[in-house]
Amino acid sequence: MTSTSVAKPSKLRVSVHRARLRAQGLRPIQIWVPDVRTPAFKAQAHAQSLAVAASLQAHQDQDFIDAISDWGDE
């Protein structure tokens, strides 16, 4: 006997999957975040890091970062 199962359309599969997740008490959300792979992001991040490093408070800022980043012997 040959099984002739027909694949479900992707819209139906997604719908079933989302219904299953909702039944588990979950809900979908969508967030947009910067694309860190783009040259524009990299250039802006570099420019900002240079500005921070060149600021008059650079040493105080770094001391603060070091202080809150010291988690001891993890």
N, C-alpha and C. Protein backbone atom coordinates (compact mmCIF):
# COMPACT_ATOMS: atom_id res chain seq x y z
N MET A 1 0.84 -1.17 0.00
CA MET A 1 0.00 0.00 0.00
C MET A 1 0.89 1.23 0.00
N THR A 2 0.64 2.15 -0.88
CA THR A 2 1.45 3.35 -1.02
C THR A 2 0.77 4.52 -0.34
N SER A 3 1.53 5.22 0.46
CA SER A 3 1.00 6.41 1.13
C SER A 3 1.19 7.61 0.23
N THR A 4 0.13 8.33 0.01
CA THR A 4 0.20 9.51 -0.84
C THR A 4 -0.09 10.75 0.00
N SER A 5 0.77 10.98 0.99
CA SER A 5 0.56 12.15 1.84
C SER A 5 0.96 13.40 1.08
N VAL A 6 0.13 14.40 1.22
CA VAL A 6 0.37 15.67 0.56
C VAL A 6 0.93 16.63 1.60
N ALA A 7 2.01 17.27 1.27
CA ALA A 7 2.61 18.22 2.20
C ALA A 7 1.65 19.39 2.46
N LYS A 8 1.61 19.80 3.71
CA LYS A 8 0.76 20.95 4.07
C LYS A 8 1.41 22.22 3.54
N PRO A 9 0.59 23.14 3.08
CA PRO A 9 1.14 24.43 2.66
C PRO A 9 1.83 25.12 3.85
N SER A 10 2.85 25.89 3.59
CA SER A 10 3.61 26.53 4.67
C SER A 10 2.72 27.43 5.53
N LYS A 11 1.74 28.08 4.92
CA LYS A 11 0.83 28.94 5.69
C LYS A 11 0.09 28.12 6.74
N LEU A 12 -0.35 26.92 6.38
CA LEU A 12 -1.05 26.06 7.32
C LEU A 12 -0.11 25.55 8.41
N ARG A 13 1.11 25.15 8.02
CA ARG A 13 2.09 24.67 9.01
C ARG A 13 2.41 25.76 10.02
N VAL A 14 2.61 26.99 9.55
CA VAL A 14 2.91 28.11 10.45
C VAL A 14 1.73 28.38 11.36
N SER A 15 0.54 28.34 10.82
CA SER A 15 -0.66 28.58 11.61
C SER A 15 -0.81 27.54 12.72
N VAL A 16 -0.58 26.28 12.39
CA VAL A 16 -0.67 25.21 13.39
C VAL A 16 0.41 25.39 14.45
N HIS A 17 1.61 25.72 14.01
CA HIS A 17 2.73 25.92 14.94
C HIS A 17 2.43 27.07 15.90
N ARG A 18 1.94 28.19 15.37
CA ARG A 18 1.62 29.34 16.22
C ARG A 18 0.48 29.03 17.18
N ALA A 19 -0.50 28.28 16.73
CA ALA A 19 -1.61 27.90 17.62
C ALA A 19 -1.09 27.05 18.77
N ARG A 20 -0.16 26.14 18.46
CA ARG A 20 0.43 25.29 19.51
C ARG A 20 1.19 26.14 20.53
N LEU A 21 1.93 27.13 20.06
CA LEU A 21 2.67 28.00 20.96
C LEU A 21 1.72 28.85 21.81
N ARG A 22 0.66 29.36 21.20
CA ARG A 22 -0.32 30.14 21.95
C ARG A 22 -0.99 29.28 23.03
N ALA A 23 -1.24 28.03 22.71
CA ALA A 23 -1.84 27.11 23.68
C ALA A 23 -0.91 26.90 24.87
N GLN A 24 0.38 27.11 24.68
CA GLN A 24 1.36 26.99 25.75
C GLN A 24 1.49 28.29 26.54
N GLY A 25 0.67 29.28 26.19
CA GLY A 25 0.70 30.55 26.91
C GLY A 25 1.69 31.56 26.36
N LEU A 26 2.19 31.33 25.16
CA LEU A 26 3.14 32.25 24.55
C LEU A 26 2.43 33.16 23.56
N ARG A 27 3.06 34.28 23.29
CA ARG A 27 2.52 35.18 22.27
C ARG A 27 3.65 35.68 21.40
N PRO A 28 3.37 35.94 20.14
CA PRO A 28 4.42 36.41 19.25
C PRO A 28 4.69 37.90 19.44
N ILE A 29 5.93 38.28 19.33
CA ILE A 29 6.30 39.70 19.30
C ILE A 29 7.32 39.88 18.19
N GLN A 30 7.44 41.09 17.74
CA GLN A 30 8.44 41.40 16.72
C GLN A 30 9.22 42.61 17.20
N ILE A 31 10.52 42.51 17.19
CA ILE A 31 11.35 43.64 17.55
C ILE A 31 12.35 43.89 16.42
N TRP A 32 12.71 45.13 16.30
CA TRP A 32 13.68 45.52 15.29
C TRP A 32 14.93 46.00 16.03
N VAL A 33 16.05 45.49 15.65
CA VAL A 33 17.32 45.86 16.27
C VAL A 33 18.29 46.31 15.19
N PRO A 34 19.27 47.10 15.57
CA PRO A 34 20.25 47.53 14.56
C PRO A 34 20.97 46.32 13.96
N ASP A 35 21.24 46.41 12.68
CA ASP A 35 21.98 45.35 12.00
C ASP A 35 23.47 45.65 12.16
N VAL A 36 24.10 44.95 13.10
CA VAL A 36 25.50 45.22 13.42
C VAL A 36 26.45 44.77 12.33
N ARG A 37 25.93 44.15 11.28
CA ARG A 37 26.79 43.68 10.18
C ARG A 37 27.00 44.74 9.11
N THR A 38 26.25 45.83 9.17
CA THR A 38 26.33 46.83 8.10
C THR A 38 27.54 47.74 8.28
N PRO A 39 28.11 48.19 7.19
CA PRO A 39 29.23 49.14 7.29
C PRO A 39 28.83 50.43 8.01
N ALA A 40 27.60 50.88 7.82
CA ALA A 40 27.15 52.12 8.47
C ALA A 40 27.14 51.96 9.98
N PHE A 41 26.68 50.81 10.48
CA PHE A 41 26.67 50.57 11.92
C PHE A 41 28.10 50.54 12.45
N LYS A 42 28.97 49.81 11.75
CA LYS A 42 30.36 49.70 12.20
C LYS A 42 31.04 51.06 12.24
N ALA A 43 30.79 51.89 11.23
CA ALA A 43 31.40 53.22 11.19
C ALA A 43 30.88 54.08 12.34
N GLN A 44 29.59 54.02 12.60
CA GLN A 44 29.00 54.81 13.69
C GLN A 44 29.52 54.33 15.04
N ALA A 45 29.61 53.03 15.24
CA ALA A 45 30.13 52.49 16.50
C ALA A 45 31.58 52.91 16.71
N HIS A 46 32.36 52.88 15.64
CA HIS A 46 33.76 53.28 15.73
C HIS A 46 33.87 54.77 16.07
N ALA A 47 33.06 55.60 15.42
CA ALA A 47 33.09 57.04 15.68
C ALA A 47 32.70 57.33 17.13
N GLN A 48 31.71 56.62 17.64
CA GLN A 48 31.28 56.83 19.02
C GLN A 48 32.36 56.37 20.01
N SER A 49 33.02 55.26 19.71
CA SER A 49 34.07 54.78 20.62
C SER A 49 35.25 55.75 20.63
N LEU A 50 35.57 56.33 19.49
CA LEU A 50 36.63 57.33 19.44
C LEU A 50 36.25 58.57 20.25
N ALA A 51 34.99 58.98 20.15
CA ALA A 51 34.53 60.15 20.89
C ALA A 51 34.60 59.90 22.40
N VAL A 52 34.21 58.72 22.83
CA VAL A 52 34.28 58.39 24.25
C VAL A 52 35.72 58.35 24.71
N ALA A 53 36.60 57.74 23.93
CA ALA A 53 38.01 57.63 24.30
C ALA A 53 38.68 58.99 24.36
N ALA A 54 38.22 59.93 23.56
CA ALA A 54 38.84 61.26 23.52
C ALA A 54 38.23 62.23 24.52
N SER A 55 37.20 61.82 25.23
CA SER A 55 36.53 62.74 26.16
C SER A 55 37.40 63.02 27.37
N LEU A 56 37.13 64.12 28.02
CA LEU A 56 37.88 64.50 29.21
C LEU A 56 37.64 63.52 30.37
N GLN A 57 36.51 62.85 30.35
CA GLN A 57 36.16 61.91 31.41
C GLN A 57 36.49 60.47 31.05
N ALA A 58 37.27 60.24 30.02
CA ALA A 58 37.52 58.88 29.54
C ALA A 58 38.03 57.96 30.64
N HIS A 59 38.97 58.46 31.46
CA HIS A 59 39.53 57.61 32.51
C HIS A 59 38.49 57.33 33.59
N GLN A 60 37.70 58.33 33.95
CA GLN A 60 36.64 58.12 34.94
C GLN A 60 35.58 57.15 34.41
N ASP A 61 35.24 57.31 33.15
CA ASP A 61 34.26 56.41 32.54
C ASP A 61 34.78 54.98 32.54
N GLN A 62 36.04 54.79 32.18
CA GLN A 62 36.61 53.44 32.15
C GLN A 62 36.71 52.86 33.55
N ASP A 63 37.06 53.69 34.54
CA ASP A 63 37.09 53.22 35.92
C ASP A 63 35.72 52.73 36.37
N PHE A 64 34.68 53.47 35.97
CA PHE A 64 33.32 53.07 36.31
C PHE A 64 32.97 51.74 35.67
N ILE A 65 33.27 51.60 34.39
CA ILE A 65 32.99 50.34 33.68
C ILE A 65 33.74 49.19 34.33
N ASP A 66 35.00 49.42 34.65
CA ASP A 66 35.79 48.37 35.31
C ASP A 66 35.19 48.00 36.66
N ALA A 67 34.73 48.98 37.42
CA ALA A 67 34.17 48.73 38.75
C ALA A 67 32.90 47.89 38.68
N ILE A 68 32.04 48.19 37.74
CA ILE A 68 30.78 47.43 37.68
C ILE A 68 30.94 46.12 36.92
N SER A 69 32.08 45.96 36.26
CA SER A 69 32.31 44.73 35.50
C SER A 69 33.09 43.68 36.29
N ASP A 70 33.63 44.05 37.44
CA ASP A 70 34.42 43.11 38.24
C ASP A 70 33.47 42.23 39.04
N TRP A 71 33.30 41.00 38.59
CA TRP A 71 32.38 40.08 39.23
C TRP A 71 33.11 39.08 40.12
N GLY A 72 34.37 39.38 40.40
CA GLY A 72 35.12 38.50 41.29
C GLY A 72 35.53 37.21 40.62
N ASP A 73 35.54 36.16 41.40
CA ASP A 73 35.99 34.85 40.93
C ASP A 73 34.83 34.01 40.41
N GLU A 74 34.41 34.26 39.23
CA GLU A 74 33.32 33.48 38.65
C GLU A 74 33.81 32.15 38.18
